[in-house]
Protein backbone atom coordinates (compact mmCIF):
# COMPACT_ATOMS: atom_id res chain seq x y z
CA UNK A 1 25.41 27.03 -13.31
CA UNK A 2 29.08 27.99 -13.75
CA UNK A 3 30.87 28.38 -17.06
CA UNK A 4 34.70 28.48 -17.05
CA UNK A 5 36.70 30.70 -19.41
CA UNK A 6 40.15 31.60 -18.02
CA UNK A 7 40.96 34.02 -20.84
CA UNK A 8 41.70 37.69 -21.35
CA UNK A 9 38.58 39.68 -22.25
CA UNK A 10 37.83 43.25 -23.24
CA UNK A 11 37.53 45.72 -20.36
CA UNK A 12 33.75 46.11 -20.59
CA UNK A 13 32.90 42.38 -20.63
CA UNK A 14 32.47 42.05 -16.84
CA UNK A 15 30.01 44.99 -16.84
CA UNK A 16 28.07 43.43 -19.72
CA UNK A 17 27.91 40.12 -17.84
CA UNK A 18 26.56 41.93 -14.77
CA UNK A 19 23.93 43.68 -16.88
CA UNK A 20 22.78 40.20 -17.94
CA UNK A 21 22.17 39.35 -14.28
CA UNK A 22 25.24 37.14 -13.92
CA UNK A 23 28.30 37.46 -11.70
CA UNK A 24 31.72 37.57 -13.37
CA UNK A 25 34.69 36.34 -11.33
CA UNK A 26 37.80 38.14 -12.59
CA UNK A 27 41.34 39.13 -11.76
CA UNK A 28 43.87 41.35 -13.54
CA UNK A 29 46.90 39.88 -15.23
CA UNK A 30 50.09 41.90 -14.80
CA UNK A 31 53.66 41.84 -16.04
CA UNK A 32 54.73 38.65 -17.79
CA UNK A 33 51.32 37.07 -17.16
CA UNK A 34 49.61 39.94 -19.00
CA UNK A 35 52.04 39.57 -21.90
CA UNK A 36 51.33 35.82 -22.05
CA UNK A 37 47.58 36.43 -21.97
CA UNK A 38 47.86 38.94 -24.82
CA UNK A 39 49.77 36.40 -26.91
CA UNK A 40 47.10 33.78 -26.18
CA UNK A 41 44.37 36.26 -27.11
CA UNK A 42 46.11 37.08 -30.38
CA UNK A 43 46.21 33.40 -31.30
CA UNK A 44 42.52 33.04 -30.36
CA UNK A 45 41.45 36.02 -32.45
CA UNK A 46 43.56 34.99 -35.46
CA UNK A 47 42.03 31.51 -35.30
CA UNK A 48 38.52 32.97 -35.18
CA UNK A 49 39.30 35.19 -38.18
CA UNK A 50 40.73 32.27 -40.15
CA UNK A 51 37.66 30.17 -39.37
CA UNK A 52 35.08 32.66 -40.61
CA UNK A 53 36.91 35.53 -42.36
CA UNK A 54 34.64 38.18 -40.88
CA UNK A 55 35.88 41.77 -40.74
CA UNK A 56 34.71 41.99 -37.10
CA UNK A 57 37.22 39.26 -36.20
CA UNK A 58 39.94 41.13 -38.09
CA UNK A 59 39.08 44.19 -35.97
CA UNK A 60 39.56 42.04 -32.85
CA UNK A 61 43.00 40.98 -34.12
CA UNK A 62 43.90 44.64 -34.62
CA UNK A 63 42.67 45.54 -31.11
CA UNK A 64 44.89 42.86 -29.57
CA UNK A 65 47.85 43.98 -31.68
CA UNK A 66 47.44 47.51 -30.38
CA UNK A 67 47.26 46.23 -26.80
CA UNK A 68 50.49 44.25 -27.35
CA UNK A 69 52.13 47.32 -28.88
CA UNK A 70 51.15 49.47 -25.91
CA UNK A 71 52.16 46.81 -23.36
CA UNK A 72 55.60 46.61 -24.95
CA UNK A 73 56.00 50.38 -24.98
CA UNK A 74 55.98 50.75 -28.77
CA UNK A 75 54.37 53.90 -30.12
CA UNK A 76 51.95 53.72 -33.01
CA UNK A 77 54.29 55.92 -35.01
CA UNK A 78 57.25 53.62 -34.33
CA UNK A 79 55.24 50.59 -35.45
CA UNK A 80 54.14 52.41 -38.60
CA UNK A 81 57.79 53.32 -39.31
CA UNK A 82 58.90 49.70 -38.89
CA UNK A 83 56.11 48.53 -41.17
CA UNK A 84 57.06 51.13 -43.82
CA UNK A 85 60.77 50.29 -43.59
CA UNK A 86 60.11 46.59 -44.00
CA UNK A 87 57.80 47.26 -46.94
CA UNK A 88 60.50 49.34 -48.59
CA UNK A 89 63.09 46.56 -48.11
CA UNK A 90 60.96 43.49 -48.81
CA UNK A 91 57.74 44.76 -50.37
CA UNK A 92 54.15 44.32 -49.32
CA UNK A 93 51.66 41.59 -50.22
CA UNK A 94 49.89 43.43 -53.04
CA UNK A 95 50.85 41.12 -55.90
CA UNK A 96 49.90 37.79 -54.34
CA UNK A 97 53.28 36.23 -55.08
CA UNK A 98 53.62 32.63 -53.87
CA UNK A 99 57.18 31.30 -53.55
CA UNK A 100 57.07 27.68 -54.69
CA UNK A 101 60.74 26.82 -54.34
CA UNK A 102 64.29 28.05 -54.75
CA UNK A 103 66.45 25.95 -57.03
CA UNK A 104 70.19 25.69 -56.39
């Protein structure tokens, strides 16, 4: 029996599949294709988190974000600086403020 996936997976998944006595068929995405696959994976993981709210899914979102950061050549420190700068300019999300409308 064959099951189709056609999605980016963590590096150890093929080995785990083999340990289960199955044969994974894989290839490596590179360049723009890798970038596209990372974006698709981010959407998948965010959807899974939104569906069940589990911390494990949030960890998956973070893992994909770090892969995107690395693929785009952005250091962790640079990303932290950007986050801090934006928080200083526009705030964080600590107060739960919901903008209903702007009247003119």
